[in-house]
Amino acid sequence: MNGKKLPLSGQTALITRVSRRSGVGFAAAKRLAQDGASIFISHYSTHDEQQPWKGDNLDALRHELSEHLTVDASFADISLDLAGPDAPSTLMEHALALTGSLEIMICNHARSGSDGSILDINTNRLDDHFFVNTRSTVLLTSLFAQAFSGLRGGLSAAPGDTVAPDKKVSEYETGRVIWLTSSQARPMPGEIAYAMSKAALAGLVRTAASELVRLGILLNAINPGPVNTGYLNPSSTDRSTEVLEEILETMPHIPRTYGYGPYPVASPSSYGVGETALGDYY
């Protein structure tokens, strides 16, 4: 390292849904580790095994990710279904136990599959996607804000109330939260529940960010666009042959996730607040 301090040395990052080495979460965790952060990840391989692309070898994933840690950094993980109402609290408790603090959180987790069109969507499908993709992300962000600021919620705020006095925002003393959204701004036929859950996050990001910035936390969202994490491979796709051929013909150079990033957590560009960054195809 030539004695040069890495940008995330001494910081700890929580990244959700790091369960496959071909996934966006793994690429993000690897990059943060290379930048000096301690890493805590969550995964839920049961969900992956239910998908056409299947799961990964978690021991191999842990080993490969650990190889990118710096000497003073720590690593731990937990398997957890974020659909449960108490799951965000459980995850935050374990993540904070790694080093005693959290400075970065990337909410990369999402439920996919078991969806439907507007004609066959039902209560269970809507709830299943909302609980994992939306509710848990908002609750995790609330818990992150409480841990980072040392503040706790009291009585319900009235419309227009601010959460706390303004706090100075500094490049290296600022909490950062990233929400992963999706292509919900475009038609997503057959994915009513998924599109709803991601659209809710995209619509909320500016309101939540306006409160978090007063606590010294910068919240932004990323819509990575099409990234082939396996779902666009003919052998493991969840699309029909016709749809897959149309996607690959329209967008022939869809990126894979290896080396994907960097996420805006350690550079002047991360001063954006409440924004949604778009991938190459947008």
Protein backbone atom coordinates (compact mmCIF):
# COMPACT_ATOMS: atom_id res chain seq x y z
CA MET A 1 0.00 0.00 0.00
CA ASN A 2 3.12 2.25 0.10
CA GLY A 3 2.02 3.60 3.49
CA LYS A 4 -0.96 5.36 1.96
CA LYS A 5 -4.13 5.17 4.02
CA LEU A 6 -7.00 3.59 2.14
CA PRO A 7 -10.17 5.70 1.91
CA LEU A 8 -12.31 3.39 4.03
CA SER A 9 -9.75 2.30 6.62
CA GLY A 10 -11.32 2.15 10.07
CA GLN A 11 -14.86 2.08 8.70
CA THR A 12 -17.34 -0.77 8.70
CA ALA A 13 -19.78 -1.59 5.93
CA LEU A 14 -22.95 -3.69 5.96
CA ILE A 15 -23.95 -5.13 2.59
CA THR A 16 -27.12 -7.18 2.27
CA ARG A 17 -27.74 -10.14 -0.03
CA VAL A 18 -24.14 -11.12 -0.66
CA SER A 19 -24.95 -14.70 -1.51
CA ARG A 20 -23.51 -15.26 -4.99
CA ARG A 21 -20.11 -14.37 -6.41
CA SER A 22 -21.81 -13.33 -9.64
CA GLY A 23 -24.06 -10.89 -7.77
CA VAL A 24 -23.94 -7.13 -7.42
CA GLY A 25 -23.69 -7.40 -3.63
CA PHE A 26 -20.51 -9.45 -3.78
CA ALA A 27 -18.92 -7.01 -6.22
CA ALA A 28 -19.78 -4.12 -3.91
CA ALA A 29 -18.47 -5.90 -0.82
CA LYS A 30 -15.24 -6.80 -2.57
CA ARG A 31 -14.66 -3.21 -3.65
CA LEU A 32 -15.32 -1.85 -0.17
CA ALA A 33 -12.93 -4.42 1.31
CA GLN A 34 -10.24 -3.38 -1.17
CA ASP A 35 -10.74 0.21 -0.01
CA GLY A 36 -9.99 -0.82 3.58
CA ALA A 37 -13.42 -1.32 5.17
CA SER A 38 -14.38 -4.08 7.56
CA ILE A 39 -17.22 -6.06 6.00
CA PHE A 40 -20.40 -7.57 7.38
CA ILE A 41 -22.66 -9.33 4.91
CA SER A 42 -26.06 -10.98 5.02
CA HIS A 43 -27.32 -13.69 2.72
CA TYR A 44 -30.28 -16.02 2.34
CA SER A 45 -29.40 -18.91 0.08
CA THR A 46 -32.86 -20.48 0.43
CA HIS A 47 -34.20 -17.75 -1.85
CA ASP A 48 -31.45 -18.28 -4.43
CA GLU A 49 -32.02 -22.02 -4.53
CA GLN A 50 -35.62 -21.36 -5.50
CA GLN A 51 -34.51 -19.38 -8.58
CA PRO A 52 -33.40 -20.81 -11.95
CA TRP A 53 -29.84 -19.54 -11.36
CA LYS A 54 -29.56 -21.36 -7.99
CA GLY A 55 -27.23 -20.52 -5.14
CA ASP A 56 -23.47 -20.43 -4.64
CA ASN A 57 -20.94 -22.10 -2.38
CA LEU A 58 -20.99 -19.79 0.64
CA ASP A 59 -17.69 -21.10 2.03
CA ALA A 60 -16.00 -20.29 -1.27
CA LEU A 61 -17.69 -16.87 -1.29
CA ARG A 62 -16.46 -16.12 2.24
CA HIS A 63 -12.94 -17.22 1.37
CA GLU A 64 -12.75 -15.14 -1.79
CA LEU A 65 -14.14 -12.05 -0.10
CA SER A 66 -11.78 -12.43 2.86
CA GLU A 67 -8.82 -12.40 0.49
CA HIS A 68 -9.61 -8.77 -0.34
CA LEU A 69 -9.62 -7.58 3.28
CA THR A 70 -6.77 -5.42 4.51
CA VAL A 71 -4.68 -6.46 7.51
CA ASP A 72 -6.65 -4.52 10.12
CA ALA A 73 -10.12 -5.20 8.71
CA SER A 74 -12.66 -7.69 10.06
CA PHE A 75 -15.30 -9.84 8.42
CA ALA A 76 -18.47 -11.66 9.50
CA ASP A 77 -21.74 -12.78 7.99
CA ILE A 78 -25.23 -14.01 8.82
CA SER A 79 -27.92 -15.99 7.01
CA LEU A 80 -31.23 -14.22 7.47
CA ASP A 81 -34.62 -13.93 5.79
CA LEU A 82 -35.41 -10.21 5.83
CA ALA A 83 -39.14 -10.84 5.40
CA GLY A 84 -39.66 -11.17 9.16
CA PRO A 85 -40.64 -8.10 11.19
CA ASP A 86 -37.72 -8.54 13.62
CA ALA A 87 -35.13 -9.45 10.99
CA PRO A 88 -33.78 -5.90 10.48
CA SER A 89 -33.13 -5.55 14.23
CA THR A 90 -31.38 -8.92 14.31
CA LEU A 91 -29.21 -8.01 11.35
CA MET A 92 -28.27 -4.61 12.74
CA GLU A 93 -27.38 -6.10 16.13
CA HIS A 94 -25.00 -8.62 14.56
CA ALA A 95 -23.49 -6.07 12.18
CA LEU A 96 -22.74 -3.60 14.97
CA ALA A 97 -21.11 -6.37 16.99
CA LEU A 98 -18.35 -6.74 14.38
CA THR A 99 -16.47 -3.51 15.24
CA GLY A 100 -18.90 -1.54 17.38
CA SER A 101 -19.96 0.90 14.67
CA LEU A 102 -21.31 1.17 11.14
CA GLU A 103 -20.46 3.92 8.68
CA ILE A 104 -21.72 2.39 5.41
CA MET A 105 -24.76 0.35 4.46
CA ILE A 106 -25.74 -0.95 1.03
CA CYS A 107 -29.24 -2.40 0.85
CA ASN A 108 -28.80 -4.73 -2.08
CA HIS A 109 -31.30 -7.40 -1.06
CA ALA A 110 -34.44 -8.13 -3.03
CA ARG A 111 -37.04 -10.80 -3.42
CA SER A 112 -37.63 -11.83 -7.02
CA GLY A 113 -39.77 -14.47 -8.65
CA SER A 114 -43.23 -15.66 -7.54
CA ASP A 115 -44.66 -12.49 -9.07
CA GLY A 116 -47.48 -11.88 -11.52
CA SER A 117 -49.24 -9.61 -13.97
CA ILE A 118 -51.96 -7.14 -13.04
CA LEU A 119 -54.50 -9.91 -13.71
CA ASP A 120 -53.09 -12.54 -11.36
CA ILE A 121 -51.36 -10.54 -8.63
CA ASN A 122 -52.63 -11.25 -5.12
CA THR A 123 -52.20 -10.19 -1.50
CA ASN A 124 -49.49 -12.73 -0.67
CA ARG A 125 -47.32 -11.83 -3.65
CA LEU A 126 -47.60 -8.13 -2.93
CA ASP A 127 -46.81 -8.60 0.76
CA ASP A 128 -43.89 -10.97 0.14
CA HIS A 129 -42.13 -8.45 -2.10
CA PHE A 130 -43.01 -5.41 -0.01
CA PHE A 131 -41.83 -6.94 3.27
CA VAL A 132 -38.40 -7.88 1.90
CA ASN A 133 -37.67 -5.21 -0.67
CA THR A 134 -39.26 -2.15 0.91
CA ARG A 135 -40.16 -2.55 4.56
CA SER A 136 -36.88 -4.14 5.64
CA THR A 137 -34.85 -1.51 3.75
CA VAL A 138 -36.65 1.36 5.48
CA LEU A 139 -36.36 -0.31 8.90
CA LEU A 140 -32.66 -1.04 8.38
CA THR A 141 -32.10 2.59 7.43
CA SER A 142 -33.87 3.76 10.57
CA LEU A 143 -31.73 1.45 12.71
CA PHE A 144 -28.57 2.57 10.92
CA ALA A 145 -29.49 6.21 11.58
CA GLN A 146 -30.09 5.52 15.26
CA ALA A 147 -26.78 3.71 15.63
CA PHE A 148 -24.80 6.32 13.68
CA SER A 149 -26.31 9.39 15.36
CA GLY A 150 -26.92 8.02 18.84
CA LEU A 151 -30.47 9.39 18.65
CA ARG A 152 -33.67 7.46 19.15
CA GLY A 153 -37.15 8.15 17.90
CA GLY A 154 -39.72 9.56 20.28
CA LEU A 155 -43.26 10.64 19.63
CA SER A 156 -44.37 10.55 16.02
CA ALA A 157 -43.19 13.62 14.15
CA ALA A 158 -45.80 15.94 12.72
CA PRO A 159 -45.69 16.74 8.98
CA GLY A 160 -42.86 19.18 8.36
CA ASP A 161 -40.97 18.44 11.57
CA THR A 162 -37.21 17.95 11.24
CA VAL A 163 -35.57 15.00 12.96
CA ALA A 164 -32.62 16.85 14.53
CA PRO A 165 -30.51 20.01 14.23
CA ASP A 166 -28.24 20.16 11.20
CA LYS A 167 -24.98 18.26 11.55
CA LYS A 168 -21.79 19.07 9.67
CA VAL A 169 -21.21 16.80 6.69
CA SER A 170 -17.58 15.78 6.25
CA GLU A 171 -16.03 13.57 3.57
CA TYR A 172 -14.57 11.09 6.08
CA GLU A 173 -16.96 11.54 9.02
CA THR A 174 -20.22 10.93 7.21
CA GLY A 175 -22.49 7.93 7.17
CA ARG A 176 -23.52 6.62 3.78
CA VAL A 177 -26.51 4.53 2.80
CA ILE A 178 -27.24 3.15 -0.67
CA TRP A 179 -30.57 1.69 -1.72
CA LEU A 180 -30.65 -0.53 -4.80
CA THR A 181 -33.70 0.16 -6.96
CA SER A 182 -34.46 -1.33 -10.37
CA SER A 183 -35.98 -0.60 -13.76
CA GLN A 184 -39.34 0.34 -12.22
CA ALA A 185 -39.45 3.60 -14.19
CA ARG A 186 -39.96 1.47 -17.30
CA PRO A 187 -42.58 -1.22 -17.92
CA MET A 188 -41.79 -4.48 -16.14
CA PRO A 189 -44.54 -6.83 -17.39
CA GLY A 190 -45.15 -9.85 -15.21
CA GLU A 191 -43.39 -8.21 -12.23
CA ILE A 192 -46.11 -6.12 -10.62
CA ALA A 193 -45.08 -6.85 -7.02
CA TYR A 194 -41.35 -6.39 -7.63
CA ALA A 195 -41.86 -3.14 -9.56
CA MET A 196 -44.15 -1.83 -6.82
CA SER A 197 -41.64 -2.58 -4.07
CA LYS A 198 -38.75 -0.91 -5.88
CA ALA A 199 -40.85 2.07 -7.00
CA ALA A 200 -41.70 2.69 -3.36
CA LEU A 201 -38.01 3.03 -2.52
CA ALA A 202 -37.32 5.25 -5.51
CA GLY A 203 -40.20 7.50 -4.50
CA LEU A 204 -39.11 7.67 -0.86
CA VAL A 205 -35.41 8.31 -1.29
CA ARG A 206 -35.57 12.12 -1.36
CA THR A 207 -37.81 12.40 1.70
CA ALA A 208 -35.70 9.98 3.73
CA ALA A 209 -32.48 11.64 2.54
CA SER A 210 -33.72 15.08 3.64
CA GLU A 211 -34.01 13.75 7.20
CA LEU A 212 -30.85 11.67 7.22
CA VAL A 213 -28.59 14.48 6.00
CA ARG A 214 -29.32 16.36 9.22
CA LEU A 215 -27.80 13.42 11.06
CA GLY A 216 -24.67 13.43 8.92
CA ILE A 217 -25.84 10.54 6.73
CA LEU A 218 -25.99 10.70 2.95
CA LEU A 219 -28.65 8.51 1.34
CA ASN A 220 -28.75 7.86 -2.38
CA ALA A 221 -30.17 5.14 -4.61
CA ILE A 222 -28.67 3.25 -7.51
CA ASN A 223 -30.56 1.75 -10.40
CA PRO A 224 -27.79 -0.40 -11.91
CA GLY A 225 -29.82 -1.21 -14.98
CA PRO A 226 -29.42 -4.60 -16.64
CA VAL A 227 -26.50 -6.47 -15.06
CA ASN A 228 -26.13 -10.13 -15.90
CA THR A 229 -25.98 -11.87 -12.54
CA GLY A 230 -27.02 -15.13 -14.17
CA TYR A 231 -30.61 -14.39 -15.04
CA LEU A 232 -29.69 -13.61 -18.66
CA ASN A 233 -27.77 -16.83 -19.26
CA PRO A 234 -29.79 -19.26 -21.40
CA SER A 235 -29.14 -22.07 -18.93
CA SER A 236 -30.37 -20.15 -15.86
CA THR A 237 -32.71 -17.44 -17.07
CA ASP A 238 -36.19 -16.82 -15.71
CA ARG A 239 -37.25 -15.28 -19.03
CA SER A 240 -38.86 -17.00 -21.98
CA THR A 241 -36.65 -17.70 -25.00
CA GLU A 242 -38.38 -14.96 -26.98
CA VAL A 243 -37.97 -12.34 -24.25
CA LEU A 244 -34.33 -13.30 -23.62
CA GLU A 245 -33.49 -13.03 -27.32
CA GLU A 246 -35.14 -9.61 -27.49
CA ILE A 247 -33.19 -8.36 -24.46
CA LEU A 248 -29.85 -9.58 -25.77
CA GLU A 249 -30.53 -8.17 -29.24
CA THR A 250 -31.53 -4.78 -27.86
CA MET A 251 -28.72 -4.60 -25.29
CA PRO A 252 -25.88 -6.80 -26.55
CA HIS A 253 -23.23 -5.54 -24.12
CA ILE A 254 -24.91 -5.97 -20.77
CA PRO A 255 -22.19 -5.87 -18.08
CA ARG A 256 -21.47 -8.65 -15.66
CA THR A 257 -20.94 -7.86 -12.01
CA TYR A 258 -17.27 -8.71 -11.62
CA GLY A 259 -15.57 -5.44 -10.76
CA TYR A 260 -18.93 -3.67 -10.73
CA GLY A 261 -18.81 -0.26 -9.09
CA PRO A 262 -17.51 1.72 -7.43
CA TYR A 263 -20.37 2.76 -5.23
CA PRO A 264 -20.32 6.43 -4.17
CA VAL A 265 -19.20 6.04 -0.57
CA ALA A 266 -15.64 7.37 -0.52
CA SER A 267 -15.31 10.17 -3.05
CA PRO A 268 -16.43 13.79 -3.45
CA SER A 269 -19.20 12.57 -5.78
CA SER A 270 -20.86 11.04 -2.75
CA TYR A 271 -22.01 14.49 -1.64
CA GLY A 272 -25.12 13.91 -3.74
CA VAL A 273 -28.17 13.55 -1.52
CA GLY A 274 -31.44 11.86 -2.36
CA GLU A 275 -30.43 11.10 -5.92
CA THR A 276 -30.84 7.95 -8.01
CA ALA A 277 -27.80 7.08 -10.08
CA LEU A 278 -28.50 5.20 -13.30
CA GLY A 279 -26.53 2.39 -14.93
CA ASP A 280 -24.92 2.53 -18.35
CA TYR A 281 -28.05 1.56 -20.26
CA TYR A 282 -30.02 4.51 -18.89
